[in-house]
N, C-alpha and C. Protein backbone atom coordinates (compact mmCIF):
# COMPACT_ATOMS: atom_id res chain seq x y z
N MET A 1 25.31 3.85 -47.94
CA MET A 1 25.27 3.00 -46.77
C MET A 1 25.06 1.57 -47.25
N SER A 2 25.75 0.65 -46.66
CA SER A 2 25.68 -0.74 -47.10
C SER A 2 24.38 -1.39 -46.62
N PHE A 3 24.05 -2.46 -47.27
CA PHE A 3 22.84 -3.21 -46.91
C PHE A 3 22.93 -3.71 -45.46
N ILE A 4 24.10 -4.14 -45.04
CA ILE A 4 24.29 -4.64 -43.67
C ILE A 4 24.03 -3.52 -42.67
N ALA A 5 24.54 -2.33 -42.94
CA ALA A 5 24.34 -1.20 -42.04
C ALA A 5 22.86 -0.85 -41.96
N VAL A 6 22.16 -0.87 -43.09
CA VAL A 6 20.72 -0.58 -43.11
C VAL A 6 19.98 -1.65 -42.31
N ALA A 7 20.37 -2.91 -42.47
CA ALA A 7 19.72 -4.00 -41.74
C ALA A 7 19.95 -3.85 -40.24
N ILE A 8 21.15 -3.46 -39.87
CA ILE A 8 21.45 -3.26 -38.44
C ILE A 8 20.60 -2.13 -37.87
N ILE A 9 20.51 -1.03 -38.59
CA ILE A 9 19.71 0.11 -38.12
C ILE A 9 18.23 -0.27 -38.04
N ALA A 10 17.73 -0.98 -39.04
CA ALA A 10 16.32 -1.41 -39.03
C ALA A 10 16.07 -2.36 -37.87
N GLY A 11 16.96 -3.32 -37.68
CA GLY A 11 16.81 -4.26 -36.56
C GLY A 11 16.86 -3.56 -35.22
N THR A 12 17.74 -2.59 -35.13
CA THR A 12 17.85 -1.81 -33.90
C THR A 12 16.57 -1.04 -33.63
N ALA A 13 16.01 -0.43 -34.66
CA ALA A 13 14.76 0.33 -34.51
C ALA A 13 13.62 -0.59 -34.08
N ILE A 14 13.53 -1.75 -34.69
CA ILE A 14 12.47 -2.70 -34.33
C ILE A 14 12.66 -3.17 -32.89
N GLY A 15 13.89 -3.48 -32.53
CA GLY A 15 14.17 -3.90 -31.15
C GLY A 15 13.84 -2.81 -30.15
N ALA A 16 14.17 -1.58 -30.48
CA ALA A 16 13.89 -0.46 -29.59
C ALA A 16 12.37 -0.27 -29.44
N TYR A 17 11.66 -0.38 -30.55
CA TYR A 17 10.20 -0.27 -30.50
C TYR A 17 9.62 -1.38 -29.63
N ALA A 18 10.13 -2.59 -29.77
CA ALA A 18 9.64 -3.71 -28.98
C ALA A 18 9.88 -3.47 -27.49
N LYS A 19 11.04 -2.91 -27.15
CA LYS A 19 11.34 -2.62 -25.75
C LYS A 19 10.39 -1.57 -25.19
N ILE A 20 10.11 -0.56 -25.97
CA ILE A 20 9.20 0.50 -25.52
C ILE A 20 7.79 -0.08 -25.32
N GLU A 21 7.34 -0.90 -26.26
CA GLU A 21 6.01 -1.51 -26.14
C GLU A 21 5.94 -2.46 -24.94
N ALA A 22 7.02 -3.19 -24.68
CA ALA A 22 7.05 -4.09 -23.52
C ALA A 22 6.94 -3.27 -22.23
N GLY A 23 7.59 -2.12 -22.19
CA GLY A 23 7.49 -1.24 -21.03
C GLY A 23 6.08 -0.70 -20.84
N LYS A 24 5.45 -0.32 -21.94
CA LYS A 24 4.07 0.16 -21.87
C LYS A 24 3.13 -0.96 -21.37
N GLN A 25 3.36 -2.17 -21.87
CA GLN A 25 2.53 -3.30 -21.44
C GLN A 25 2.75 -3.59 -19.96
N ALA A 26 3.99 -3.50 -19.50
CA ALA A 26 4.28 -3.72 -18.08
C ALA A 26 3.55 -2.68 -17.23
N GLU A 27 3.50 -1.45 -17.71
CA GLU A 27 2.79 -0.41 -16.97
C GLU A 27 1.29 -0.69 -16.95
N ARG A 28 0.72 -1.12 -18.08
CA ARG A 28 -0.71 -1.45 -18.12
C ARG A 28 -1.02 -2.62 -17.19
N ASP A 29 -0.15 -3.63 -17.19
CA ASP A 29 -0.34 -4.78 -16.30
C ASP A 29 -0.29 -4.34 -14.83
N ALA A 30 0.63 -3.45 -14.53
CA ALA A 30 0.77 -2.96 -13.16
C ALA A 30 -0.47 -2.17 -12.73
N LYS A 31 -1.02 -1.37 -13.63
CA LYS A 31 -2.25 -0.63 -13.32
C LYS A 31 -3.38 -1.61 -13.03
N ALA A 32 -3.47 -2.66 -13.83
CA ALA A 32 -4.50 -3.68 -13.61
C ALA A 32 -4.31 -4.38 -12.27
N GLN A 33 -3.06 -4.64 -11.91
CA GLN A 33 -2.77 -5.26 -10.61
C GLN A 33 -3.19 -4.34 -9.48
N GLN A 34 -2.97 -3.05 -9.65
CA GLN A 34 -3.36 -2.11 -8.60
C GLN A 34 -4.89 -2.05 -8.47
N VAL A 35 -5.59 -2.04 -9.59
CA VAL A 35 -7.06 -2.03 -9.54
C VAL A 35 -7.56 -3.28 -8.82
N LEU A 36 -6.99 -4.42 -9.15
CA LEU A 36 -7.39 -5.67 -8.51
C LEU A 36 -7.07 -5.65 -7.02
N ALA A 37 -5.90 -5.15 -6.65
CA ALA A 37 -5.53 -5.07 -5.24
C ALA A 37 -6.48 -4.14 -4.48
N ASN A 38 -6.86 -3.04 -5.09
CA ASN A 38 -7.80 -2.11 -4.44
C ASN A 38 -9.18 -2.75 -4.28
N ARG A 39 -9.61 -3.50 -5.28
CA ARG A 39 -10.90 -4.19 -5.19
C ARG A 39 -10.85 -5.24 -4.07
N ASN A 40 -9.76 -6.00 -4.01
CA ASN A 40 -9.61 -7.01 -2.96
C ASN A 40 -9.53 -6.35 -1.58
N ALA A 41 -8.93 -5.17 -1.52
CA ALA A 41 -8.86 -4.44 -0.26
C ALA A 41 -10.26 -4.02 0.20
N LEU A 42 -11.07 -3.57 -0.73
CA LEU A 42 -12.44 -3.19 -0.39
C LEU A 42 -13.23 -4.39 0.13
N ILE A 43 -13.04 -5.53 -0.52
CA ILE A 43 -13.71 -6.76 -0.07
C ILE A 43 -13.24 -7.14 1.33
N ALA A 44 -11.93 -7.04 1.57
CA ALA A 44 -11.39 -7.36 2.90
C ALA A 44 -11.97 -6.42 3.96
N GLU A 45 -12.13 -5.14 3.63
CA GLU A 45 -12.72 -4.20 4.58
C GLU A 45 -14.17 -4.56 4.88
N GLN A 46 -14.92 -4.89 3.84
CA GLN A 46 -16.32 -5.26 4.03
C GLN A 46 -16.43 -6.52 4.89
N GLN A 47 -15.56 -7.50 4.63
CA GLN A 47 -15.58 -8.72 5.43
C GLN A 47 -15.21 -8.43 6.88
N ALA A 48 -14.26 -7.52 7.09
CA ALA A 48 -13.84 -7.16 8.45
C ALA A 48 -14.99 -6.52 9.21
N LYS A 49 -15.67 -5.61 8.56
CA LYS A 49 -16.80 -4.94 9.22
C LYS A 49 -17.94 -5.93 9.48
N ALA A 50 -18.16 -6.84 8.55
CA ALA A 50 -19.20 -7.86 8.74
C ALA A 50 -18.85 -8.78 9.90
N ALA A 51 -17.57 -9.12 10.06
CA ALA A 51 -17.13 -9.97 11.18
C ALA A 51 -17.41 -9.28 12.51
N LEU A 52 -17.15 -7.98 12.57
CA LEU A 52 -17.42 -7.24 13.80
C LEU A 52 -18.92 -7.19 14.09
N GLU A 53 -19.70 -6.93 13.06
CA GLU A 53 -21.16 -6.88 13.26
C GLU A 53 -21.70 -8.24 13.72
N ARG A 54 -21.17 -9.33 13.14
CA ARG A 54 -21.60 -10.68 13.59
C ARG A 54 -21.24 -10.88 15.05
N ALA A 55 -20.04 -10.45 15.44
CA ALA A 55 -19.62 -10.61 16.83
C ALA A 55 -20.52 -9.79 17.76
N LYS A 56 -20.87 -8.59 17.35
CA LYS A 56 -21.76 -7.76 18.18
C LYS A 56 -23.13 -8.42 18.35
N GLU A 57 -23.64 -8.96 17.25
CA GLU A 57 -24.94 -9.65 17.32
C GLU A 57 -24.85 -10.91 18.18
N GLU A 58 -23.75 -11.64 18.03
CA GLU A 58 -23.55 -12.84 18.82
C GLU A 58 -23.44 -12.47 20.31
N ALA A 59 -22.75 -11.40 20.62
CA ALA A 59 -22.61 -10.96 22.01
C ALA A 59 -23.96 -10.54 22.58
N LYS A 60 -24.74 -9.85 21.77
CA LYS A 60 -26.08 -9.42 22.22
C LYS A 60 -26.96 -10.64 22.50
N GLN A 61 -26.91 -11.63 21.60
CA GLN A 61 -27.68 -12.85 21.79
C GLN A 61 -27.20 -13.61 23.03
N PHE A 62 -25.89 -13.66 23.21
CA PHE A 62 -25.31 -14.34 24.37
C PHE A 62 -25.75 -13.66 25.66
N GLU A 63 -25.80 -12.32 25.63
CA GLU A 63 -26.22 -11.56 26.81
C GLU A 63 -27.67 -11.90 27.18
N LYS A 64 -28.53 -12.00 26.18
CA LYS A 64 -29.93 -12.36 26.43
C LYS A 64 -30.03 -13.76 27.03
N GLU A 65 -29.26 -14.68 26.46
CA GLU A 65 -29.28 -16.06 26.97
C GLU A 65 -28.71 -16.11 28.38
N GLY A 66 -27.70 -15.29 28.66
CA GLY A 66 -27.12 -15.22 30.00
C GLY A 66 -28.11 -14.69 31.02
N GLU A 67 -28.86 -13.66 30.64
CA GLU A 67 -29.87 -13.12 31.54
C GLU A 67 -30.94 -14.17 31.85
N ALA A 68 -31.31 -14.92 30.82
CA ALA A 68 -32.29 -15.99 31.02
C ALA A 68 -31.72 -17.05 31.96
N LEU A 69 -30.45 -17.41 31.77
CA LEU A 69 -29.81 -18.40 32.63
C LEU A 69 -29.76 -17.92 34.08
N LEU A 70 -29.42 -16.65 34.28
CA LEU A 70 -29.39 -16.08 35.64
C LEU A 70 -30.79 -16.12 36.27
N GLY A 71 -31.76 -15.79 35.48
CA GLY A 71 -33.14 -15.84 35.98
C GLY A 71 -33.54 -17.24 36.39
N GLU A 72 -33.19 -18.22 35.54
CA GLU A 72 -33.50 -19.62 35.88
C GLU A 72 -32.77 -20.04 37.14
N GLN A 73 -31.53 -19.61 37.28
CA GLN A 73 -30.73 -19.96 38.45
C GLN A 73 -31.38 -19.38 39.72
N GLN A 74 -31.81 -18.14 39.65
CA GLN A 74 -32.43 -17.50 40.81
C GLN A 74 -33.76 -18.16 41.16
N VAL A 75 -34.54 -18.52 40.13
CA VAL A 75 -35.82 -19.19 40.37
C VAL A 75 -35.58 -20.56 41.01
N ALA A 76 -34.61 -21.30 40.50
CA ALA A 76 -34.34 -22.63 41.05
C ALA A 76 -33.93 -22.53 42.52
N LEU A 77 -33.07 -21.54 42.82
CA LEU A 77 -32.66 -21.37 44.21
C LEU A 77 -33.85 -20.94 45.09
N ALA A 78 -34.67 -20.06 44.58
CA ALA A 78 -35.83 -19.58 45.34
C ALA A 78 -36.83 -20.72 45.58
N LYS A 79 -37.03 -21.61 44.61
CA LYS A 79 -37.94 -22.75 44.78
C LYS A 79 -37.44 -23.68 45.88
N GLY A 80 -36.15 -23.74 46.03
CA GLY A 80 -35.55 -24.57 47.08
C GLY A 80 -35.59 -23.88 48.43
N GLY A 81 -36.12 -22.69 48.48
CA GLY A 81 -36.23 -21.97 49.72
C GLY A 81 -34.94 -21.29 50.14
N VAL A 82 -34.03 -21.09 49.19
CA VAL A 82 -32.74 -20.48 49.50
C VAL A 82 -32.82 -18.97 49.22
N LEU A 83 -32.33 -18.20 50.14
CA LEU A 83 -32.28 -16.76 49.99
C LEU A 83 -31.08 -16.42 49.10
N THR A 84 -31.31 -15.73 47.97
CA THR A 84 -30.26 -15.50 46.97
C THR A 84 -29.52 -14.18 47.14
N THR A 85 -29.82 -13.44 48.15
CA THR A 85 -29.19 -12.13 48.31
C THR A 85 -28.00 -12.14 49.26
N ILE A 86 -27.80 -13.24 49.98
CA ILE A 86 -26.67 -13.32 50.91
C ILE A 86 -26.02 -14.70 50.85
N GLY A 87 -24.78 -14.75 51.30
CA GLY A 87 -24.09 -16.02 51.44
C GLY A 87 -23.68 -16.66 50.12
N THR A 88 -23.56 -17.97 50.15
CA THR A 88 -23.10 -18.74 49.01
C THR A 88 -23.98 -18.55 47.78
N PRO A 89 -25.31 -18.55 47.88
CA PRO A 89 -26.13 -18.34 46.69
C PRO A 89 -25.87 -16.98 46.03
N ALA A 90 -25.63 -15.96 46.81
CA ALA A 90 -25.34 -14.63 46.25
C ALA A 90 -23.99 -14.66 45.52
N ILE A 91 -23.02 -15.36 46.12
CA ILE A 91 -21.70 -15.48 45.49
C ILE A 91 -21.81 -16.27 44.18
N LEU A 92 -22.62 -17.35 44.20
CA LEU A 92 -22.83 -18.17 43.00
C LEU A 92 -23.43 -17.34 41.87
N ILE A 93 -24.42 -16.54 42.17
CA ILE A 93 -25.06 -15.70 41.14
C ILE A 93 -24.07 -14.65 40.65
N GLU A 94 -23.30 -14.06 41.56
CA GLU A 94 -22.30 -13.05 41.18
C GLU A 94 -21.23 -13.67 40.26
N GLU A 95 -20.76 -14.86 40.61
CA GLU A 95 -19.76 -15.54 39.78
C GLU A 95 -20.33 -15.89 38.40
N THR A 96 -21.57 -16.31 38.36
CA THR A 96 -22.21 -16.61 37.08
C THR A 96 -22.30 -15.35 36.23
N GLU A 97 -22.64 -14.22 36.83
CA GLU A 97 -22.71 -12.95 36.11
C GLU A 97 -21.35 -12.57 35.55
N LYS A 98 -20.29 -12.73 36.37
CA LYS A 98 -18.93 -12.40 35.92
C LYS A 98 -18.51 -13.28 34.75
N GLU A 99 -18.80 -14.58 34.83
CA GLU A 99 -18.43 -15.50 33.74
C GLU A 99 -19.18 -15.18 32.46
N LEU A 100 -20.46 -14.86 32.61
CA LEU A 100 -21.24 -14.49 31.43
C LEU A 100 -20.71 -13.21 30.79
N GLU A 101 -20.37 -12.24 31.62
CA GLU A 101 -19.81 -10.97 31.11
C GLU A 101 -18.46 -11.21 30.44
N ALA A 102 -17.64 -12.05 31.05
CA ALA A 102 -16.32 -12.36 30.47
C ALA A 102 -16.48 -13.06 29.11
N ASP A 103 -17.43 -13.97 29.03
CA ASP A 103 -17.67 -14.66 27.75
C ASP A 103 -18.18 -13.69 26.68
N LYS A 104 -19.07 -12.80 27.08
CA LYS A 104 -19.57 -11.79 26.14
C LYS A 104 -18.44 -10.90 25.65
N LEU A 105 -17.57 -10.48 26.55
CA LEU A 105 -16.43 -9.64 26.17
C LEU A 105 -15.46 -10.41 25.26
N ALA A 106 -15.29 -11.70 25.50
CA ALA A 106 -14.43 -12.51 24.65
C ALA A 106 -14.99 -12.58 23.23
N ILE A 107 -16.31 -12.68 23.11
CA ILE A 107 -16.94 -12.70 21.79
C ILE A 107 -16.69 -11.37 21.08
N LEU A 108 -16.86 -10.27 21.79
CA LEU A 108 -16.62 -8.95 21.20
C LEU A 108 -15.15 -8.75 20.84
N LYS A 109 -14.27 -9.21 21.74
CA LYS A 109 -12.83 -9.09 21.47
C LYS A 109 -12.47 -9.83 20.19
N GLU A 110 -13.00 -11.02 20.03
CA GLU A 110 -12.74 -11.79 18.81
C GLU A 110 -13.22 -11.05 17.57
N GLY A 111 -14.38 -10.40 17.68
CA GLY A 111 -14.91 -9.61 16.57
C GLY A 111 -14.03 -8.41 16.24
N PHE A 112 -13.55 -7.72 17.28
CA PHE A 112 -12.67 -6.57 17.06
C PHE A 112 -11.34 -7.00 16.45
N LEU A 113 -10.83 -8.14 16.92
CA LEU A 113 -9.57 -8.65 16.35
C LEU A 113 -9.76 -9.04 14.89
N ALA A 114 -10.88 -9.69 14.57
CA ALA A 114 -11.15 -10.07 13.18
C ALA A 114 -11.26 -8.82 12.31
N GLU A 115 -11.92 -7.79 12.83
CA GLU A 115 -12.03 -6.54 12.06
C GLU A 115 -10.66 -5.92 11.86
N SER A 116 -9.87 -5.86 12.92
CA SER A 116 -8.54 -5.26 12.84
C SER A 116 -7.67 -6.01 11.83
N PHE A 117 -7.72 -7.33 11.89
CA PHE A 117 -6.94 -8.14 10.95
C PHE A 117 -7.39 -7.89 9.51
N GLY A 118 -8.69 -7.85 9.29
CA GLY A 118 -9.22 -7.60 7.94
C GLY A 118 -8.84 -6.23 7.42
N LEU A 119 -8.89 -5.21 8.28
CA LEU A 119 -8.51 -3.87 7.85
C LEU A 119 -7.01 -3.80 7.56
N SER A 120 -6.23 -4.53 8.34
CA SER A 120 -4.79 -4.60 8.08
C SER A 120 -4.51 -5.27 6.74
N GLN A 121 -5.23 -6.34 6.46
CA GLN A 121 -5.08 -7.00 5.16
C GLN A 121 -5.44 -6.05 4.03
N ALA A 122 -6.50 -5.29 4.20
CA ALA A 122 -6.93 -4.34 3.18
C ALA A 122 -5.83 -3.32 2.91
N GLU A 123 -5.22 -2.81 3.97
CA GLU A 123 -4.15 -1.83 3.79
C GLU A 123 -2.94 -2.46 3.11
N ASN A 124 -2.63 -3.69 3.46
CA ASN A 124 -1.52 -4.40 2.80
C ASN A 124 -1.80 -4.59 1.31
N LEU A 125 -3.04 -4.91 0.97
CA LEU A 125 -3.39 -5.07 -0.44
C LEU A 125 -3.24 -3.76 -1.20
N ARG A 126 -3.68 -2.68 -0.60
CA ARG A 126 -3.52 -1.38 -1.25
C ARG A 126 -2.04 -1.03 -1.43
N PHE A 127 -1.24 -1.35 -0.42
CA PHE A 127 0.20 -1.09 -0.51
C PHE A 127 0.81 -1.92 -1.63
N GLU A 128 0.43 -3.18 -1.73
CA GLU A 128 0.94 -4.03 -2.82
C GLU A 128 0.54 -3.46 -4.18
N GLY A 129 -0.67 -2.92 -4.26
CA GLY A 129 -1.11 -2.29 -5.50
C GLY A 129 -0.25 -1.08 -5.86
N ARG A 130 0.07 -0.26 -4.85
CA ARG A 130 0.92 0.90 -5.11
C ARG A 130 2.33 0.46 -5.54
N ILE A 131 2.82 -0.61 -4.94
CA ILE A 131 4.14 -1.12 -5.32
C ILE A 131 4.10 -1.64 -6.76
N ALA A 132 3.05 -2.37 -7.11
CA ALA A 132 2.93 -2.88 -8.48
C ALA A 132 2.90 -1.72 -9.47
N ARG A 133 2.17 -0.68 -9.13
CA ARG A 133 2.07 0.49 -10.01
C ARG A 133 3.44 1.15 -10.18
N ALA A 134 4.18 1.28 -9.09
CA ALA A 134 5.52 1.88 -9.16
C ALA A 134 6.45 1.01 -10.01
N ARG A 135 6.34 -0.31 -9.86
CA ARG A 135 7.17 -1.20 -10.68
C ARG A 135 6.84 -1.05 -12.16
N GLY A 136 5.57 -0.88 -12.47
CA GLY A 136 5.16 -0.68 -13.86
C GLY A 136 5.73 0.59 -14.44
N LYS A 137 5.69 1.66 -13.67
CA LYS A 137 6.27 2.93 -14.14
C LYS A 137 7.77 2.79 -14.35
N ALA A 138 8.42 2.09 -13.41
CA ALA A 138 9.86 1.89 -13.54
C ALA A 138 10.19 1.04 -14.76
N ALA A 139 9.38 0.03 -15.02
CA ALA A 139 9.61 -0.82 -16.19
C ALA A 139 9.45 0.00 -17.48
N LYS A 140 8.46 0.87 -17.49
CA LYS A 140 8.25 1.71 -18.67
C LYS A 140 9.45 2.64 -18.88
N SER A 141 9.91 3.28 -17.81
CA SER A 141 11.09 4.16 -17.93
C SER A 141 12.32 3.37 -18.34
N GLY A 142 12.49 2.22 -17.73
CA GLY A 142 13.64 1.37 -18.06
C GLY A 142 13.62 0.91 -19.50
N SER A 143 12.42 0.63 -20.01
CA SER A 143 12.33 0.18 -21.40
C SER A 143 12.73 1.30 -22.36
N ARG A 144 12.41 2.52 -22.01
CA ARG A 144 12.80 3.64 -22.87
C ARG A 144 14.32 3.84 -22.85
N LEU A 145 14.91 3.71 -21.67
CA LEU A 145 16.37 3.83 -21.59
C LEU A 145 17.04 2.68 -22.36
N ALA A 146 16.49 1.47 -22.21
CA ALA A 146 17.07 0.33 -22.94
C ALA A 146 16.93 0.53 -24.44
N ALA A 147 15.80 1.08 -24.86
CA ALA A 147 15.60 1.34 -26.30
C ALA A 147 16.61 2.37 -26.80
N ALA A 148 16.81 3.42 -26.02
CA ALA A 148 17.78 4.44 -26.42
C ALA A 148 19.19 3.84 -26.49
N GLY A 149 19.52 3.00 -25.53
CA GLY A 149 20.82 2.33 -25.55
C GLY A 149 20.97 1.43 -26.76
N SER A 150 19.91 0.72 -27.11
CA SER A 150 19.95 -0.15 -28.29
C SER A 150 20.15 0.66 -29.56
N ILE A 151 19.47 1.78 -29.64
CA ILE A 151 19.60 2.63 -30.83
C ILE A 151 21.03 3.14 -30.96
N LEU A 152 21.58 3.63 -29.87
CA LEU A 152 22.96 4.13 -29.91
C LEU A 152 23.94 3.01 -30.26
N SER A 153 23.73 1.85 -29.68
CA SER A 153 24.60 0.71 -29.97
C SER A 153 24.47 0.29 -31.43
N GLY A 154 23.25 0.26 -31.92
CA GLY A 154 23.03 -0.12 -33.32
C GLY A 154 23.64 0.88 -34.28
N LEU A 155 23.51 2.16 -33.97
CA LEU A 155 24.12 3.18 -34.83
C LEU A 155 25.64 3.07 -34.81
N GLY A 156 26.17 2.77 -33.62
CA GLY A 156 27.61 2.60 -33.52
C GLY A 156 28.10 1.41 -34.34
N THR A 157 27.35 0.32 -34.29
CA THR A 157 27.71 -0.87 -35.07
C THR A 157 27.61 -0.58 -36.56
N ALA A 158 26.53 0.11 -36.95
CA ALA A 158 26.36 0.45 -38.36
C ALA A 158 27.48 1.37 -38.83
N ALA A 159 27.88 2.30 -37.98
CA ALA A 159 28.96 3.23 -38.34
C ALA A 159 30.28 2.48 -38.48
N ALA A 160 30.50 1.48 -37.64
CA ALA A 160 31.75 0.72 -37.71
C ALA A 160 31.81 -0.11 -38.98
N ILE A 161 30.66 -0.57 -39.44
CA ILE A 161 30.63 -1.38 -40.65
C ILE A 161 30.78 -0.53 -41.89
N SER A 162 30.20 0.65 -41.86
CA SER A 162 30.20 1.50 -43.04
C SER A 162 30.75 2.88 -42.71
N PRO A 163 32.03 2.99 -42.35
CA PRO A 163 32.55 4.30 -41.94
C PRO A 163 32.59 5.32 -43.07
N SER A 164 32.71 4.91 -44.33
CA SER A 164 32.81 5.87 -45.43
C SER A 164 31.49 6.56 -45.69
N ARG A 165 30.39 6.04 -45.21
CA ARG A 165 29.08 6.62 -45.47
C ARG A 165 28.59 7.49 -44.32
N ILE A 166 29.29 7.51 -43.23
CA ILE A 166 28.89 8.29 -42.07
C ILE A 166 29.60 9.64 -42.13
N GLY A 167 28.95 10.67 -41.75
CA GLY A 167 29.57 12.00 -41.70
C GLY A 167 29.39 12.74 -43.00
N SER A 168 30.44 13.41 -43.45
CA SER A 168 30.33 14.29 -44.62
C SER A 168 30.31 13.51 -45.93
N GLY A 169 30.74 12.29 -45.92
CA GLY A 169 30.74 11.50 -47.15
C GLY A 169 31.97 11.75 -47.99
N THR A 170 32.96 12.48 -47.48
CA THR A 170 34.14 12.80 -48.28
C THR A 170 35.25 11.78 -48.10
N ARG A 171 35.13 10.95 -47.05
CA ARG A 171 36.19 9.97 -46.83
C ARG A 171 35.96 8.75 -47.72
N THR A 172 37.04 8.07 -47.99
CA THR A 172 36.94 6.82 -48.75
C THR A 172 37.47 5.71 -47.89
N ASN A 173 37.07 4.53 -48.20
CA ASN A 173 37.46 3.38 -47.41
C ASN A 173 38.44 2.50 -48.18
N THR A 174 39.37 3.11 -48.93
CA THR A 174 40.34 2.33 -49.69
C THR A 174 41.70 2.43 -49.04
N ILE A 175 42.41 1.36 -49.10
CA ILE A 175 43.78 1.34 -48.57
C ILE A 175 44.69 1.66 -49.75
N PRO A 176 45.55 2.69 -49.57
CA PRO A 176 46.42 3.06 -50.71
C PRO A 176 47.44 1.94 -50.98
N ASN A 177 47.74 1.78 -52.25
CA ASN A 177 48.77 0.82 -52.66
C ASN A 177 50.11 1.47 -52.39
N ILE A 178 51.04 0.70 -51.92
CA ILE A 178 52.36 1.21 -51.57
C ILE A 178 53.04 1.87 -52.77
N ARG A 179 52.71 1.40 -53.97
CA ARG A 179 53.31 1.99 -55.17
C ARG A 179 52.76 3.38 -55.45
N ASP A 180 51.56 3.66 -54.92
CA ASP A 180 50.94 4.96 -55.19
C ASP A 180 51.44 6.06 -54.25
N ILE A 181 52.18 5.71 -53.24
CA ILE A 181 52.69 6.71 -52.31
C ILE A 181 53.98 7.28 -52.91
N PRO A 182 54.05 8.62 -53.07
CA PRO A 182 55.25 9.22 -53.67
C PRO A 182 56.49 8.92 -52.85
N GLY A 183 57.52 8.57 -53.52
CA GLY A 183 58.79 8.32 -52.90
C GLY A 183 58.89 6.92 -52.30
N ARG A 184 57.90 6.09 -52.52
CA ARG A 184 57.95 4.75 -51.97
C ARG A 184 57.94 3.76 -53.12
N SER A 185 58.67 2.76 -52.97
CA SER A 185 58.65 1.69 -53.98
C SER A 185 58.57 0.37 -53.25
N PRO A 186 58.02 -0.60 -53.91
CA PRO A 186 57.92 -1.90 -53.24
C PRO A 186 59.30 -2.47 -53.00
N ALA A 187 59.51 -3.11 -51.93
CA ALA A 187 60.81 -3.63 -51.57
C ALA A 187 61.08 -4.96 -52.17
């Protein structure tokens, strides 16, 4: 086998090895991306739950403040000698109660929406991690196929350069001289 053919085969082997290692590294990177995405998803879930708990606490505090406001309103009306169980004062207190309840529900709704959004983000992060992992596996498989293709191509190139050394070794790579062919003479 000629030096060029050996160099081609060696270069092909090194290139194939490099492709396989690049595929393995891509898979390791993808695994790391998935771990990071899962960790970020956990953080997003914790933040979502904390947002809901804050909203619940805020709603509870608002409810207490609303009850105090209603009490003050009733006392102020009673000090003025107004009967609060009928007529306009009763309607005023009822409307105040409705507004306070609506505001409390708005606080809770905001908390539930924040939780829902955070949980959705967490699921998206996990999905991105699974996609990264799948890409890493595909890169690893692709690198092996590319390495195999490089090896076959390199062997083919080496065989084309040194055909007399491939196979049984019985062939020669000499072109016969026209004078050596029986019955032929140079013209």
